[in-house]
Amino acid sequence: MKDETIEKVDAEIDGWQYMQALPEHWHGFTLDRSKSIDKDSYDLYRYVNEELHKSAIVYFHEETHEYKVRLKIGLIEFCRIEFITAKLADFEQLLVKQFEQMLMDMMEFNPAALSSIVRDKKIMEWENGAKLPETLEGFTLFIRPAQPVKINNGSYIVIDYVDFALESSFTVYYNIYRDEFFAEARIWNIPDVNYDFDSNELPELEEKLHQHMLPRLREVRARAQKEAADHAAKAQKEEGEPPV
């Protein structure tokens, strides 16, 4: 991030009363005031629930010169577009109106926050979705069809199996604009896509999960474990090499 951008943000948030008055604990989340700057974003603060693997981060995005909020749920991070604004005063108004409810919805499932299209698709009532195993091939069912999670661009997380130790997962989404289910894996938090699960209706998705989900989970685990082993071997080799 450019020095002038950092200086601009620092000047704008200096004495920002809203941020200074934030509660240390809020609806099950804990305030982390530590700032973090990377190549294009300046994280001002975050609310974190480590046990639930959820956090809400308030930040400035250099590329668009806007204040934003992004959520991290499990391994998946996404921006909440309703908070995007260029002026700090306008951003504060959005935070006052919507941020607390967002935390509440992250803490406890709120069906009212779902699109009517998702409800009409009967995802929450999906009988076989309710029978998904709690653990599968070493992955834990983190998000289930009975409680879909809204992300962005009209997509909802319907199923999410996660191994947090390996930072790897298998996720099924539903997109309301395309009226389509699709899936994505993450291997050490790097997305890995195939099209084996693309479906338009729940019975079609159910059949594809029956055919492909176990092999896909095994593949993700094997690749994640191999990558971890390769990194460990490389680190061990570098430690054993004599200085040049």
C-alpha atoms as a PDB file:
ATOM      1  CA  MET A   1       0.000   0.000   0.000  1.00  0.00           C
ATOM      2  CA  LYS A   2       1.255   3.453  -0.875  1.00  0.00           C
ATOM      3  CA  ASP A   3       2.536   5.632   1.958  1.00  0.00           C
ATOM      4  CA  GLU A   4       0.237   8.461   0.936  1.00  0.00           C
ATOM      5  CA  THR A   5      -2.775   6.151   1.209  1.00  0.00           C
ATOM      6  CA  ILE A   6      -1.762   5.081   4.714  1.00  0.00           C
ATOM      7  CA  GLU A   7      -1.312   8.719   5.691  1.00  0.00           C
ATOM      8  CA  LYS A   8      -4.727   9.597   4.237  1.00  0.00           C
ATOM      9  CA  VAL A   9      -6.511   6.830   6.165  1.00  0.00           C
ATOM     10  CA  ASP A  10      -4.624   7.583   9.379  1.00  0.00           C
ATOM     11  CA  ALA A  11      -5.634  11.242   9.120  1.00  0.00           C
ATOM     12  CA  GLU A  12      -9.294  10.348   8.501  1.00  0.00           C
ATOM     13  CA  ILE A  13      -9.606   7.873  11.383  1.00  0.00           C
ATOM     14  CA  ASP A  14      -7.586   9.953  13.858  1.00  0.00           C
ATOM     15  CA  GLY A  15     -10.014  10.693  16.669  1.00  0.00           C
ATOM     16  CA  TRP A  16     -12.811   8.682  15.015  1.00  0.00           C
ATOM     17  CA  GLN A  17     -15.256   8.515  17.924  1.00  0.00           C
ATOM     18  CA  TYR A  18     -17.261   5.619  16.542  1.00  0.00           C
ATOM     19  CA  MET A  19     -14.211   3.350  16.454  1.00  0.00           C
ATOM     20  CA  GLN A  20     -12.989   4.508  19.856  1.00  0.00           C
ATOM     21  CA  ALA A  21     -16.368   3.725  21.461  1.00  0.00           C
ATOM     22  CA  LEU A  22     -16.739   0.189  20.088  1.00  0.00           C
ATOM     23  CA  PRO A  23     -17.595  -2.466  22.708  1.00  0.00           C
ATOM     24  CA  GLU A  24     -14.847  -4.940  23.519  1.00  0.00           C
ATOM     25  CA  HIS A  25     -17.354  -7.814  23.339  1.00  0.00           C
ATOM     26  CA  TRP A  26     -20.369  -7.757  21.058  1.00  0.00           C
ATOM     27  CA  HIS A  27     -22.843 -10.581  20.421  1.00  0.00           C
ATOM     28  CA  GLY A  28     -20.283 -13.315  21.003  1.00  0.00           C
ATOM     29  CA  PHE A  29     -17.453 -11.560  19.141  1.00  0.00           C
ATOM     30  CA  THR A  30     -14.313  -9.988  20.605  1.00  0.00           C
ATOM     31  CA  LEU A  31     -12.864  -6.725  19.329  1.00  0.00           C
ATOM     32  CA  ASP A  32      -9.331  -6.850  17.938  1.00  0.00           C
ATOM     33  CA  ARG A  33      -7.996  -3.316  17.475  1.00  0.00           C
ATOM     34  CA  SER A  34      -4.685  -4.334  15.909  1.00  0.00           C
ATOM     35  CA  LYS A  35      -4.198  -2.713  12.520  1.00  0.00           C
ATOM     36  CA  SER A  36      -2.899  -4.673   9.546  1.00  0.00           C
ATOM     37  CA  ILE A  37      -1.632  -3.311   6.232  1.00  0.00           C
ATOM     38  CA  ASP A  38      -0.899  -5.333   3.122  1.00  0.00           C
ATOM     39  CA  LYS A  39      -0.424  -4.449  -0.530  1.00  0.00           C
ATOM     40  CA  ASP A  40      -3.929  -3.096  -1.122  1.00  0.00           C
ATOM     41  CA  SER A  41      -5.907  -3.071   2.136  1.00  0.00           C
ATOM     42  CA  TYR A  42      -5.642  -1.419   5.520  1.00  0.00           C
ATOM     43  CA  ASP A  43      -7.522  -3.371   8.216  1.00  0.00           C
ATOM     44  CA  LEU A  44      -8.705  -0.913  10.868  1.00  0.00           C
ATOM     45  CA  TYR A  45     -10.209  -3.398  13.337  1.00  0.00           C
ATOM     46  CA  ARG A  46     -12.034  -6.700  13.458  1.00  0.00           C
ATOM     47  CA  TYR A  47     -14.553  -8.624  15.531  1.00  0.00           C
ATOM     48  CA  VAL A  48     -13.543 -12.245  16.001  1.00  0.00           C
ATOM     49  CA  ASN A  49     -15.060 -15.454  17.333  1.00  0.00           C
ATOM     50  CA  GLU A  50     -12.233 -17.990  17.202  1.00  0.00           C
ATOM     51  CA  GLU A  51     -14.391 -20.895  18.332  1.00  0.00           C
ATOM     52  CA  LEU A  52     -16.879 -20.366  15.503  1.00  0.00           C
ATOM     53  CA  HIS A  53     -14.117 -19.568  12.966  1.00  0.00           C
ATOM     54  CA  LYS A  54     -15.868 -16.313  12.089  1.00  0.00           C
ATOM     55  CA  SER A  55     -14.737 -12.702  11.905  1.00  0.00           C
ATOM     56  CA  ALA A  56     -15.842  -9.340  10.525  1.00  0.00           C
ATOM     57  CA  ILE A  57     -13.086  -7.001   9.345  1.00  0.00           C
ATOM     58  CA  VAL A  58     -13.462  -3.255   8.769  1.00  0.00           C
ATOM     59  CA  TYR A  59     -10.909  -1.968   6.255  1.00  0.00           C
ATOM     60  CA  PHE A  60      -9.917   0.544   3.592  1.00  0.00           C
ATOM     61  CA  HIS A  61      -9.340  -0.816   0.087  1.00  0.00           C
ATOM     62  CA  GLU A  62      -6.666   1.042  -1.850  1.00  0.00           C
ATOM     63  CA  GLU A  63      -7.662  -0.236  -5.289  1.00  0.00           C
ATOM     64  CA  THR A  64     -11.144   1.318  -5.101  1.00  0.00           C
ATOM     65  CA  HIS A  65     -10.376   3.988  -2.440  1.00  0.00           C
ATOM     66  CA  GLU A  66     -13.365   2.837  -0.406  1.00  0.00           C
ATOM     67  CA  TYR A  67     -14.124   1.726   3.119  1.00  0.00           C
ATOM     68  CA  LYS A  68     -15.488  -1.807   3.267  1.00  0.00           C
ATOM     69  CA  VAL A  69     -16.416  -4.742   5.490  1.00  0.00           C
ATOM     70  CA  ARG A  70     -15.351  -8.273   4.724  1.00  0.00           C
ATOM     71  CA  LEU A  71     -16.377 -11.430   6.512  1.00  0.00           C
ATOM     72  CA  LYS A  72     -14.416 -14.588   7.091  1.00  0.00           C
ATOM     73  CA  ILE A  73     -16.554 -17.654   7.685  1.00  0.00           C
ATOM     74  CA  GLY A  74     -14.507 -20.805   7.928  1.00  0.00           C
ATOM     75  CA  LEU A  75     -11.920 -20.504   5.162  1.00  0.00           C
ATOM     76  CA  ILE A  76     -14.033 -18.268   2.942  1.00  0.00           C
ATOM     77  CA  GLU A  77     -13.595 -14.470   2.868  1.00  0.00           C
ATOM     78  CA  PHE A  78     -15.899 -12.093   1.043  1.00  0.00           C
ATOM     79  CA  CYS A  79     -16.858  -8.429   0.969  1.00  0.00           C
ATOM     80  CA  ARG A  80     -20.311  -7.285   2.124  1.00  0.00           C
ATOM     81  CA  ILE A  81     -21.254  -4.905  -0.668  1.00  0.00           C
ATOM     82  CA  GLU A  82     -23.889  -3.020   1.339  1.00  0.00           C
ATOM     83  CA  PHE A  83     -21.126  -1.352   3.399  1.00  0.00           C
ATOM     84  CA  ILE A  84     -19.007  -0.057   0.513  1.00  0.00           C
ATOM     85  CA  THR A  85     -18.567   3.713   0.539  1.00  0.00           C
ATOM     86  CA  ALA A  86     -15.849   6.286  -0.138  1.00  0.00           C
ATOM     87  CA  LYS A  87     -16.540   8.718   2.720  1.00  0.00           C
ATOM     88  CA  LEU A  88     -15.870   7.854   6.348  1.00  0.00           C
ATOM     89  CA  ALA A  89     -18.971   9.745   7.556  1.00  0.00           C
ATOM     90  CA  ASP A  90     -21.216   7.742   5.199  1.00  0.00           C
ATOM     91  CA  PHE A  91     -19.409   4.543   6.192  1.00  0.00           C
ATOM     92  CA  GLU A  92     -20.093   5.246   9.860  1.00  0.00           C
ATOM     93  CA  GLN A  93     -23.812   5.635   9.164  1.00  0.00           C
ATOM     94  CA  LEU A  94     -23.870   2.243   7.441  1.00  0.00           C
ATOM     95  CA  LEU A  95     -21.985   0.658  10.325  1.00  0.00           C
ATOM     96  CA  VAL A  96     -24.398   2.144  12.870  1.00  0.00           C
ATOM     97  CA  LYS A  97     -27.420   0.872  10.946  1.00  0.00           C
ATOM     98  CA  GLN A  98     -26.255  -2.592   9.897  1.00  0.00           C
ATOM     99  CA  PHE A  99     -23.078  -3.869  11.559  1.00  0.00           C
ATOM    100  CA  GLU A 100     -24.631  -5.047  14.829  1.00  0.00           C
ATOM    101  CA  GLN A 101     -27.378  -6.981  13.053  1.00  0.00           C
ATOM    102  CA  MET A 102     -24.768  -8.561  10.818  1.00  0.00           C
ATOM    103  CA  LEU A 103     -22.877  -9.821  13.885  1.00  0.00           C
ATOM    104  CA  MET A 104     -26.115 -11.176  15.331  1.00  0.00           C
ATOM    105  CA  ASP A 105     -26.875 -13.012  12.080  1.00  0.00           C
ATOM    106  CA  MET A 106     -23.359 -14.494  12.074  1.00  0.00           C
ATOM    107  CA  MET A 107     -23.847 -15.693  15.627  1.00  0.00           C
ATOM    108  CA  GLU A 108     -27.342 -17.114  15.189  1.00  0.00           C
ATOM    109  CA  PHE A 109     -28.934 -18.190  11.909  1.00  0.00           C
ATOM    110  CA  ASN A 110     -31.558 -15.716  10.679  1.00  0.00           C
ATOM    111  CA  PRO A 111     -33.876 -17.162   7.979  1.00  0.00           C
ATOM    112  CA  ALA A 112     -35.278 -13.679   7.295  1.00  0.00           C
ATOM    113  CA  ALA A 113     -31.909 -12.686   5.814  1.00  0.00           C
ATOM    114  CA  LEU A 114     -32.254 -15.253   3.015  1.00  0.00           C
ATOM    115  CA  SER A 115     -33.529 -14.500  -0.471  1.00  0.00           C
ATOM    116  CA  SER A 116     -37.028 -15.748  -1.237  1.00  0.00           C
ATOM    117  CA  ILE A 117     -35.445 -17.649  -4.146  1.00  0.00           C
ATOM    118  CA  VAL A 118     -33.405 -19.716  -1.690  1.00  0.00           C
ATOM    119  CA  ARG A 119     -36.485 -20.416   0.406  1.00  0.00           C
ATOM    120  CA  ASP A 120     -38.481 -21.378  -2.688  1.00  0.00           C
ATOM    121  CA  LYS A 121     -35.708 -23.807  -3.669  1.00  0.00           C
ATOM    122  CA  LYS A 122     -36.475 -25.736  -0.438  1.00  0.00           C
ATOM    123  CA  ILE A 123     -32.791 -26.000   0.429  1.00  0.00           C
ATOM    124  CA  MET A 124     -33.425 -25.718   4.163  1.00  0.00           C
ATOM    125  CA  GLU A 125     -36.053 -28.480   4.008  1.00  0.00           C
ATOM    126  CA  TRP A 126     -33.879 -30.796   1.893  1.00  0.00           C
ATOM    127  CA  GLU A 127     -34.335 -34.179   3.573  1.00  0.00           C
ATOM    128  CA  ASN A 128     -31.094 -35.787   2.481  1.00  0.00           C
ATOM    129  CA  GLY A 129     -29.213 -32.585   3.208  1.00  0.00           C
ATOM    130  CA  ALA A 130     -30.222 -33.049   6.848  1.00  0.00           C
ATOM    131  CA  LYS A 131     -28.657 -36.513   6.800  1.00  0.00           C
ATOM    132  CA  LEU A 132     -25.154 -35.410   5.812  1.00  0.00           C
ATOM    133  CA  PRO A 133     -22.517 -36.946   8.133  1.00  0.00           C
ATOM    134  CA  GLU A 134     -20.985 -34.657  10.734  1.00  0.00           C
ATOM    135  CA  THR A 135     -17.527 -35.890   9.696  1.00  0.00           C
ATOM    136  CA  LEU A 136     -16.401 -37.333   6.386  1.00  0.00           C
ATOM    137  CA  GLU A 137     -12.891 -38.352   5.334  1.00  0.00           C
ATOM    138  CA  GLY A 138     -11.463 -36.276   8.185  1.00  0.00           C
ATOM    139  CA  PHE A 139     -13.493 -33.171   7.274  1.00  0.00           C
ATOM    140  CA  THR A 140     -16.092 -31.629   9.589  1.00  0.00           C
ATOM    141  CA  LEU A 141     -19.474 -30.369   8.424  1.00  0.00           C
ATOM    142  CA  PHE A 142     -19.133 -26.645   9.137  1.00  0.00           C
ATOM    143  CA  ILE A 143     -22.117 -25.266   7.174  1.00  0.00           C
ATOM    144  CA  ARG A 144     -25.197 -27.351   6.456  1.00  0.00           C
ATOM    145  CA  PRO A 145     -28.161 -26.929   4.065  1.00  0.00           C
ATOM    146  CA  ALA A 146     -30.577 -26.163   6.920  1.00  0.00           C
ATOM    147  CA  GLN A 147     -28.641 -22.924   7.532  1.00  0.00           C
ATOM    148  CA  PRO A 148     -27.247 -21.550   4.243  1.00  0.00           C
ATOM    149  CA  VAL A 149     -24.836 -18.620   4.429  1.00  0.00           C
ATOM    150  CA  LYS A 150     -25.181 -15.615   2.113  1.00  0.00           C
ATOM    151  CA  ILE A 151     -21.908 -14.467   0.564  1.00  0.00           C
ATOM    152  CA  ASN A 152     -21.757 -12.219  -2.524  1.00  0.00           C
ATOM    153  CA  ASN A 153     -22.800 -12.081  -6.186  1.00  0.00           C
ATOM    154  CA  GLY A 154     -26.034 -13.897  -5.374  1.00  0.00           C
ATOM    155  CA  SER A 155     -24.310 -17.001  -3.992  1.00  0.00           C
ATOM    156  CA  TYR A 156     -25.048 -18.927  -0.801  1.00  0.00           C
ATOM    157  CA  ILE A 157     -22.931 -21.574   0.889  1.00  0.00           C
ATOM    158  CA  VAL A 158     -25.094 -24.678   1.178  1.00  0.00           C
ATOM    159  CA  ILE A 159     -22.570 -27.300   2.320  1.00  0.00           C
ATOM    160  CA  ASP A 160     -19.084 -26.754   3.717  1.00  0.00           C
ATOM    161  CA  TYR A 161     -16.828 -29.582   4.882  1.00  0.00           C
ATOM    162  CA  VAL A 162     -13.634 -28.191   6.423  1.00  0.00           C
ATOM    163  CA  ASP A 163     -10.351 -29.432   7.871  1.00  0.00           C
ATOM    164  CA  PHE A 164      -9.032 -26.328   9.615  1.00  0.00           C
ATOM    165  CA  ALA A 165      -5.696 -27.950  10.468  1.00  0.00           C
ATOM    166  CA  LEU A 166      -5.009 -28.460   6.745  1.00  0.00           C
ATOM    167  CA  GLU A 167      -6.779 -25.214   5.745  1.00  0.00           C
ATOM    168  CA  SER A 168      -8.663 -27.280   3.189  1.00  0.00           C
ATOM    169  CA  SER A 169     -12.337 -27.703   2.408  1.00  0.00           C
ATOM    170  CA  PHE A 170     -15.090 -28.788   0.053  1.00  0.00           C
ATOM    171  CA  THR A 171     -17.926 -26.292  -0.474  1.00  0.00           C
ATOM    172  CA  VAL A 172     -21.216 -26.447  -2.345  1.00  0.00           C
ATOM    173  CA  TYR A 173     -22.845 -23.165  -3.360  1.00  0.00           C
ATOM    174  CA  TYR A 174     -26.193 -22.098  -4.802  1.00  0.00           C
ATOM    175  CA  ASN A 175     -26.401 -19.011  -7.010  1.00  0.00           C
ATOM    176  CA  ILE A 176     -29.796 -17.344  -7.230  1.00  0.00           C
ATOM    177  CA  TYR A 177     -29.080 -15.544 -10.519  1.00  0.00           C
ATOM    178  CA  ARG A 178     -27.972 -18.646 -12.410  1.00  0.00           C
ATOM    179  CA  ASP A 179     -30.313 -20.948 -10.480  1.00  0.00           C
ATOM    180  CA  GLU A 180     -27.389 -23.344 -10.187  1.00  0.00           C
ATOM    181  CA  PHE A 181     -25.566 -25.412  -7.601  1.00  0.00           C
ATOM    182  CA  PHE A 182     -21.791 -25.668  -7.985  1.00  0.00           C
ATOM    183  CA  ALA A 183     -18.821 -26.713  -5.869  1.00  0.00           C
ATOM    184  CA  GLU A 184     -15.307 -25.575  -5.060  1.00  0.00           C
ATOM    185  CA  ALA A 185     -12.505 -27.116  -3.038  1.00  0.00           C
ATOM    186  CA  ARG A 186      -9.755 -25.300  -1.171  1.00  0.00           C
ATOM    187  CA  ILE A 187      -6.317 -26.840  -0.717  1.00  0.00           C
ATOM    188  CA  TRP A 188      -4.303 -24.890   1.826  1.00  0.00           C
ATOM    189  CA  ASN A 189      -6.861 -22.141   1.225  1.00  0.00           C
ATOM    190  CA  ILE A 190      -6.182 -21.991  -2.528  1.00  0.00           C
ATOM    191  CA  PRO A 191      -9.375 -22.499  -4.586  1.00  0.00           C
ATOM    192  CA  ASP A 192      -9.503 -25.604  -6.763  1.00  0.00           C
ATOM    193  CA  VAL A 193     -12.503 -25.873  -9.092  1.00  0.00           C
ATOM    194  CA  ASN A 194     -14.100 -28.671 -11.043  1.00  0.00           C
ATOM    195  CA  TYR A 195     -17.538 -28.990 -12.615  1.00  0.00           C
ATOM    196  CA  ASP A 196     -18.600 -32.428 -11.396  1.00  0.00           C
ATOM    197  CA  PHE A 197     -21.277 -31.006  -9.099  1.00  0.00           C
ATOM    198  CA  ASP A 198     -22.939 -28.440 -11.378  1.00  0.00           C
ATOM    199  CA  SER A 199     -26.707 -28.931 -11.007  1.00  0.00           C
ATOM    200  CA  ASN A 200     -29.957 -27.047 -11.326  1.00  0.00           C
ATOM    201  CA  GLU A 201     -32.131 -29.047  -8.943  1.00  0.00           C
ATOM    202  CA  LEU A 202     -31.594 -30.715  -5.581  1.00  0.00           C
ATOM    203  CA  PRO A 203     -32.198 -34.294  -6.829  1.00  0.00           C
ATOM    204  CA  GLU A 204     -29.528 -33.769  -9.498  1.00  0.00           C
ATOM    205  CA  LEU A 205     -27.116 -32.350  -6.917  1.00  0.00           C
ATOM    206  CA  GLU A 206     -27.902 -35.228  -4.571  1.00  0.00           C
ATOM    207  CA  GLU A 207     -26.960 -37.780  -7.230  1.00  0.00           C
ATOM    208  CA  LYS A 208     -23.715 -35.986  -8.045  1.00  0.00           C
ATOM    209  CA  LEU A 209     -22.792 -35.756  -4.369  1.00  0.00           C
ATOM    210  CA  HIS A 210     -23.437 -39.475  -4.056  1.00  0.00           C
ATOM    211  CA  GLN A 211     -21.145 -40.182  -7.014  1.00  0.00           C
ATOM    212  CA  HIS A 212     -18.370 -37.652  -6.530  1.00  0.00           C
ATOM    213  CA  MET A 213     -18.174 -36.164  -3.024  1.00  0.00           C
ATOM    214  CA  LEU A 214     -16.205 -38.936  -1.287  1.00  0.00           C
ATOM    215  CA  PRO A 215     -13.598 -39.200  -4.073  1.00  0.00           C
ATOM    216  CA  ARG A 216     -13.308 -35.399  -4.117  1.00  0.00           C
ATOM    217  CA  LEU A 217     -12.761 -35.210  -0.353  1.00  0.00           C
ATOM    218  CA  ARG A 218     -10.129 -37.940  -0.552  1.00  0.00           C
ATOM    219  CA  GLU A 219      -8.396 -36.097  -3.374  1.00  0.00           C
ATOM    220  CA  VAL A 220      -8.386 -32.800  -1.477  1.00  0.00           C
ATOM    221  CA  ARG A 221      -6.989 -34.444   1.661  1.00  0.00           C
ATOM    222  CA  ALA A 222      -4.297 -36.332  -0.251  1.00  0.00           C
ATOM    223  CA  ARG A 223      -3.154 -33.227  -2.100  1.00  0.00           C
ATOM    224  CA  ALA A 224      -3.174 -31.093   1.059  1.00  0.00           C
ATOM    225  CA  GLN A 225      -1.173 -33.694   2.989  1.00  0.00           C
ATOM    226  CA  LYS A 226       1.324 -34.062   0.132  1.00  0.00           C
ATOM    227  CA  GLU A 227       1.797 -30.321  -0.046  1.00  0.00           C
ATOM    228  CA  ALA A 228       2.339 -30.159   3.719  1.00  0.00           C
ATOM    229  CA  ALA A 229       4.881 -32.969   3.543  1.00  0.00           C
ATOM    230  CA  ASP A 230       6.699 -31.305   0.630  1.00  0.00           C
ATOM    231  CA  HIS A 231       6.952 -28.029   2.542  1.00  0.00           C
ATOM    232  CA  ALA A 232       8.206 -29.807   5.656  1.00  0.00           C
ATOM    233  CA  ALA A 233      10.847 -31.698   3.661  1.00  0.00           C
ATOM    234  CA  LYS A 234      11.962 -28.504   1.938  1.00  0.00           C
ATOM    235  CA  ALA A 235      12.240 -26.670   5.267  1.00  0.00           C
ATOM    236  CA  GLN A 236      14.201 -29.545   6.792  1.00  0.00           C
ATOM    237  CA  LYS A 237      16.555 -29.611   3.820  1.00  0.00           C
ATOM    238  CA  GLU A 238      17.139 -25.852   4.021  1.00  0.00           C
ATOM    239  CA  GLU A 239      17.882 -26.093   7.743  1.00  0.00           C
ATOM    240  CA  GLY A 240      20.432 -28.820   7.084  1.00  0.00           C
ATOM    241  CA  GLU A 241      22.253 -27.037   4.269  1.00  0.00           C
ATOM    242  CA  PRO A 242      25.559 -25.375   5.240  1.00  0.00           C
ATOM    243  CA  PRO A 243      25.680 -21.583   4.815  1.00  0.00           C
ATOM    244  CA  VAL A 244      26.944 -20.369   1.459  1.00  0.00           C
END
